[in-house]
C-alpha atoms as a PDB file:
ATOM      1  CA  MET A   1      93.828 107.406 180.937  1.00  0.00           C
ATOM      2  CA  ASN A   2      94.537 103.486 179.192  1.00  0.00           C
ATOM      3  CA  GLU A   3      92.115 101.056 177.185  1.00  0.00           C
ATOM      4  CA  THR A   4      90.466  99.404 180.513  1.00  0.00           C
ATOM      5  CA  ASN A   5      89.545 103.131 181.860  1.00  0.00           C
ATOM      6  CA  GLY A   6      88.906 105.080 178.338  1.00  0.00           C
ATOM      7  CA  ILE A   7      85.853 107.470 178.168  1.00  0.00           C
ATOM      8  CA  PRO A   8      82.087 106.082 176.392  1.00  0.00           C
ATOM      9  CA  VAL A   9      82.170 108.719 173.627  1.00  0.00           C
ATOM     10  CA  ARG A  10      79.053 109.069 170.923  1.00  0.00           C
ATOM     11  CA  LEU A  11      80.489 109.642 167.685  1.00  0.00           C
ATOM     12  CA  ARG A  12      79.826 110.951 164.716  1.00  0.00           C
ATOM     13  CA  GLN A  13      81.354 110.371 161.651  1.00  0.00           C
ATOM     14  CA  VAL A  14      81.209 111.957 158.011  1.00  0.00           C
ATOM     15  CA  ALA A  15      82.858 110.241 155.017  1.00  0.00           C
ATOM     16  CA  VAL A  16      82.571 112.948 151.794  1.00  0.00           C
ATOM     17  CA  ILE A  17      83.594 110.953 148.331  1.00  0.00           C
ATOM     18  CA  ARG A  18      84.126 112.810 145.361  1.00  0.00           C
ATOM     19  CA  ASP A  19      84.713 111.379 142.134  1.00  0.00           C
ATOM     20  CA  GLY A  20      84.432 113.814 139.344  1.00  0.00           C
ATOM     21  CA  ALA A  21      81.290 115.352 139.306  1.00  0.00           C
ATOM     22  CA  HIS A  22      79.919 112.746 141.525  1.00  0.00           C
ATOM     23  CA  GLU A  23      79.590 113.369 145.273  1.00  0.00           C
ATOM     24  CA  GLU A  24      78.667 110.840 148.261  1.00  0.00           C
ATOM     25  CA  THR A  25      77.821 111.780 152.066  1.00  0.00           C
ATOM     26  CA  ILE A  26      77.740 109.208 154.515  1.00  0.00           C
ATOM     27  CA  ALA A  27      76.823 109.902 157.933  1.00  0.00           C
ATOM     28  CA  LEU A  28      76.845 107.233 160.798  1.00  0.00           C
ATOM     29  CA  GLU A  29      76.520 107.938 165.101  1.00  0.00           C
ATOM     30  CA  LEU A  30      77.726 105.459 166.997  1.00  0.00           C
ATOM     31  CA  ASP A  31      78.932 104.734 170.655  1.00  0.00           C
ATOM     32  CA  GLY A  32      82.754 103.757 170.859  1.00  0.00           C
ATOM     33  CA  ILE A  33      85.507 104.390 173.409  1.00  0.00           C
ATOM     34  CA  TYR A  34      88.209 106.718 173.773  1.00  0.00           C
ATOM     35  CA  TYR A  35      91.525 105.951 175.254  1.00  0.00           C
ATOM     36  CA  ILE A  36      95.318 106.942 175.307  1.00  0.00           C
ATOM     37  CA  LYS A  37      98.224 104.963 175.536  1.00  0.00           C
ATOM     38  CA  GLY A  38     101.434 107.359 175.945  1.00  0.00           C
ATOM     39  CA  GLU A  39     101.131 109.842 173.447  1.00  0.00           C
ATOM     40  CA  THR A  40      98.783 108.029 170.666  1.00  0.00           C
ATOM     41  CA  MET A  41      94.948 108.526 170.793  1.00  0.00           C
ATOM     42  CA  TYR A  42      92.719 105.921 170.484  1.00  0.00           C
ATOM     43  CA  LEU A  43      88.833 105.536 168.901  1.00  0.00           C
ATOM     44  CA  ARG A  44      87.170 102.139 169.031  1.00  0.00           C
ATOM     45  CA  PHE A  45      84.109 101.673 168.003  1.00  0.00           C
ATOM     46  CA  ALA A  46      81.774  98.827 165.995  1.00  0.00           C
ATOM     47  CA  GLU A  47      79.379  99.436 163.122  1.00  0.00           C
ATOM     48  CA  GLU A  48      77.001  97.247 161.229  1.00  0.00           C
ATOM     49  CA  ASN A  49      76.432  97.795 157.471  1.00  0.00           C
ATOM     50  CA  GLU A  50      74.702  95.298 154.780  1.00  0.00           C
ATOM     51  CA  LEU A  51      77.941  92.842 155.290  1.00  0.00           C
ATOM     52  CA  GLY A  52      77.858  92.331 158.894  1.00  0.00           C
ATOM     53  CA  ARG A  53      79.708  93.927 162.375  1.00  0.00           C
ATOM     54  CA  VAL A  54      82.964  95.826 161.827  1.00  0.00           C
ATOM     55  CA  ASN A  55      84.946  96.316 164.526  1.00  0.00           C
ATOM     56  CA  ASN A  56      87.177  99.901 164.044  1.00  0.00           C
ATOM     57  CA  VAL A  57      89.836 101.453 165.787  1.00  0.00           C
ATOM     58  CA  VAL A  58      91.405 104.622 164.363  1.00  0.00           C
ATOM     59  CA  LYS A  59      95.139 105.029 166.103  1.00  0.00           C
ATOM     60  CA  ILE A  60      95.904 109.096 166.300  1.00  0.00           C
ATOM     61  CA  ALA A  61      99.045 109.391 166.668  1.00  0.00           C
ATOM     62  CA  PRO A  62     101.326 112.728 166.448  1.00  0.00           C
ATOM     63  CA  ASP A  63     102.380 112.294 162.707  1.00  0.00           C
ATOM     64  CA  GLU A  64      99.738 109.876 161.469  1.00  0.00           C
ATOM     65  CA  VAL A  65      96.528 107.647 162.033  1.00  0.00           C
ATOM     66  CA  THR A  66      95.914 104.650 161.130  1.00  0.00           C
ATOM     67  CA  VAL A  67      92.741 102.945 160.560  1.00  0.00           C
ATOM     68  CA  LEU A  68      92.413  99.092 161.538  1.00  0.00           C
ATOM     69  CA  ARG A  69      88.770  97.602 160.104  1.00  0.00           C
ATOM     70  CA  SER A  70      88.246  93.755 160.902  1.00  0.00           C
ATOM     71  CA  GLY A  71      84.928  91.476 161.139  1.00  0.00           C
ATOM     72  CA  ALA A  72      83.075  91.854 157.843  1.00  0.00           C
ATOM     73  CA  VAL A  73      85.539  94.476 156.429  1.00  0.00           C
ATOM     74  CA  GLU A  74      89.176  93.663 156.972  1.00  0.00           C
ATOM     75  CA  MET A  75      91.126  97.020 156.245  1.00  0.00           C
ATOM     76  CA  ARG A  76      94.224  98.529 157.407  1.00  0.00           C
ATOM     77  CA  GLN A  77      94.980 102.322 155.906  1.00  0.00           C
ATOM     78  CA  THR A  78      98.237 104.913 157.199  1.00  0.00           C
ATOM     79  CA  PHE A  79      97.217 108.689 156.579  1.00  0.00           C
ATOM     80  CA  ARG A  80     100.785 110.854 156.609  1.00  0.00           C
ATOM     81  CA  CYS A  81     100.449 114.259 155.304  1.00  0.00           C
ATOM     82  CA  GLN A  82     101.785 114.699 151.852  1.00  0.00           C
ATOM     83  CA  GLN A  83     103.224 111.193 151.854  1.00  0.00           C
ATOM     84  CA  GLU A  84     101.662 108.038 149.503  1.00  0.00           C
ATOM     85  CA  MET A  85     100.778 105.383 152.338  1.00  0.00           C
ATOM     86  CA  PRO A  86     100.252 101.785 150.901  1.00  0.00           C
ATOM     87  CA  GLY A  87      97.098  99.975 152.333  1.00  0.00           C
ATOM     88  CA  HIS A  88      94.501  96.873 151.953  1.00  0.00           C
ATOM     89  CA  TYR A  89      90.581  96.723 151.864  1.00  0.00           C
ATOM     90  CA  LYS A  90      89.087  93.305 151.961  1.00  0.00           C
ATOM     91  CA  THR A  91      86.089  91.361 152.031  1.00  0.00           C
ATOM     92  CA  MET A  92      84.520  88.128 151.538  1.00  0.00           C
ATOM     93  CA  PHE A  93      84.159  89.343 148.023  1.00  0.00           C
ATOM     94  CA  GLY A  94      87.972  89.798 147.529  1.00  0.00           C
ATOM     95  CA  ARG A  95      91.195  91.885 148.295  1.00  0.00           C
ATOM     96  CA  TRP A  96      91.891  95.619 147.099  1.00  0.00           C
ATOM     97  CA  SER A  97      95.222  97.388 147.421  1.00  0.00           C
ATOM     98  CA  LEU A  98      94.867 101.132 148.697  1.00  0.00           C
ATOM     99  CA  ALA A  99      96.888 104.261 148.831  1.00  0.00           C
ATOM    100  CA  THR A 100      96.243 107.354 150.222  1.00  0.00           C
ATOM    101  CA  LYS A 101      97.721 110.925 149.642  1.00  0.00           C
ATOM    102  CA  THR A 102      96.649 112.957 152.253  1.00  0.00           C
ATOM    103  CA  ASP A 103      96.628 116.457 152.776  1.00  0.00           C
ATOM    104  CA  VAL A 104      95.525 117.647 155.737  1.00  0.00           C
ATOM    105  CA  ILE A 105      95.346 115.806 159.321  1.00  0.00           C
ATOM    106  CA  GLU A 106      93.563 117.665 162.050  1.00  0.00           C
ATOM    107  CA  PHE A 107      93.089 116.559 165.667  1.00  0.00           C
ATOM    108  CA  ARG A 108      91.723 118.470 168.297  1.00  0.00           C
ATOM    109  CA  TYR A 109      90.803 117.453 172.070  1.00  0.00           C
ATOM    110  CA  ASP A 110      89.302 119.274 174.769  1.00  0.00           C
ATOM    111  CA  GLU A 111      90.081 117.769 178.112  1.00  0.00           C
ATOM    112  CA  ARG A 112      87.831 119.868 180.014  1.00  0.00           C
ATOM    113  CA  ARG A 113      84.778 118.694 177.840  1.00  0.00           C
ATOM    114  CA  LYS A 114      85.750 115.577 176.699  1.00  0.00           C
ATOM    115  CA  GLN A 115      85.270 116.433 173.179  1.00  0.00           C
ATOM    116  CA  GLY A 116      87.365 116.033 170.099  1.00  0.00           C
ATOM    117  CA  GLN A 117      87.617 115.933 166.525  1.00  0.00           C
ATOM    118  CA  LEU A 118      89.315 114.367 163.904  1.00  0.00           C
ATOM    119  CA  PHE A 119      89.140 115.481 160.063  1.00  0.00           C
ATOM    120  CA  LEU A 120      91.415 113.774 157.174  1.00  0.00           C
ATOM    121  CA  SER A 121      91.196 114.801 153.325  1.00  0.00           C
ATOM    122  CA  TYR A 122      93.160 112.479 150.977  1.00  0.00           C
ATOM    123  CA  GLU A 123      93.112 111.204 147.777  1.00  0.00           C
ATOM    124  CA  LEU A 124      92.346 107.900 147.508  1.00  0.00           C
ATOM    125  CA  MET A 125      94.590 105.040 144.775  1.00  0.00           C
ATOM    126  CA  LEU A 126      92.179 101.536 144.651  1.00  0.00           C
ATOM    127  CA  GLU A 127      94.254  99.026 142.694  1.00  0.00           C
ATOM    128  CA  HIS A 128      97.201 101.687 141.642  1.00  0.00           C
ATOM    129  CA  GLU A 129      93.712 103.462 139.789  1.00  0.00           C
ATOM    130  CA  ARG A 130      92.945 106.830 141.604  1.00  0.00           C
ATOM    131  CA  SER A 131      89.545 106.802 142.940  1.00  0.00           C
ATOM    132  CA  GLY A 132      88.769 110.682 143.772  1.00  0.00           C
ATOM    133  CA  ARG A 133      89.041 112.471 146.827  1.00  0.00           C
ATOM    134  CA  ARG A 134      87.847 111.691 150.085  1.00  0.00           C
ATOM    135  CA  THR A 135      87.290 113.370 153.427  1.00  0.00           C
ATOM    136  CA  LEU A 136      86.595 111.733 156.753  1.00  0.00           C
ATOM    137  CA  THR A 137      85.497 113.428 159.996  1.00  0.00           C
ATOM    138  CA  LEU A 138      85.385 111.797 163.457  1.00  0.00           C
ATOM    139  CA  THR A 139      83.607 114.259 166.252  1.00  0.00           C
ATOM    140  CA  PHE A 140      83.474 112.655 169.314  1.00  0.00           C
ATOM    141  CA  LYS A 141      81.900 113.562 172.884  1.00  0.00           C
ATOM    142  CA  GLY A 142      82.228 111.982 176.299  1.00  0.00           C
ATOM    143  CA  VAL A 143      78.650 110.896 177.311  1.00  0.00           C
END
């Protein structure tokens, strides 16, 4: 399977942001495409937010996950277990450096059911300051 014959999926993205006593959950349901190139799996989807359209690519390799965003938000962040990884986040308001230290990366895909789940748990640093703990869960199923 490659990008041109990827599987259309219904995707649910749940992000939980914890900073001290404050906790916020953001959930989105979106349509996307799931495909494989070599040993790497990809989820591609677009979202609309207050800044405009954002195109997302989540690249799931055997030892790392990379999130690429373009459009109203530009972002690149790589997640590797037990490693601090640099990244960036840019909007029309400015550009910020990011870093993540990832505790958990779990990915499961059931080929027969055409469904999968990616789970990330990490600590975020924004401009070299601790910005709390985050989890991201992407659940998807072929449509």
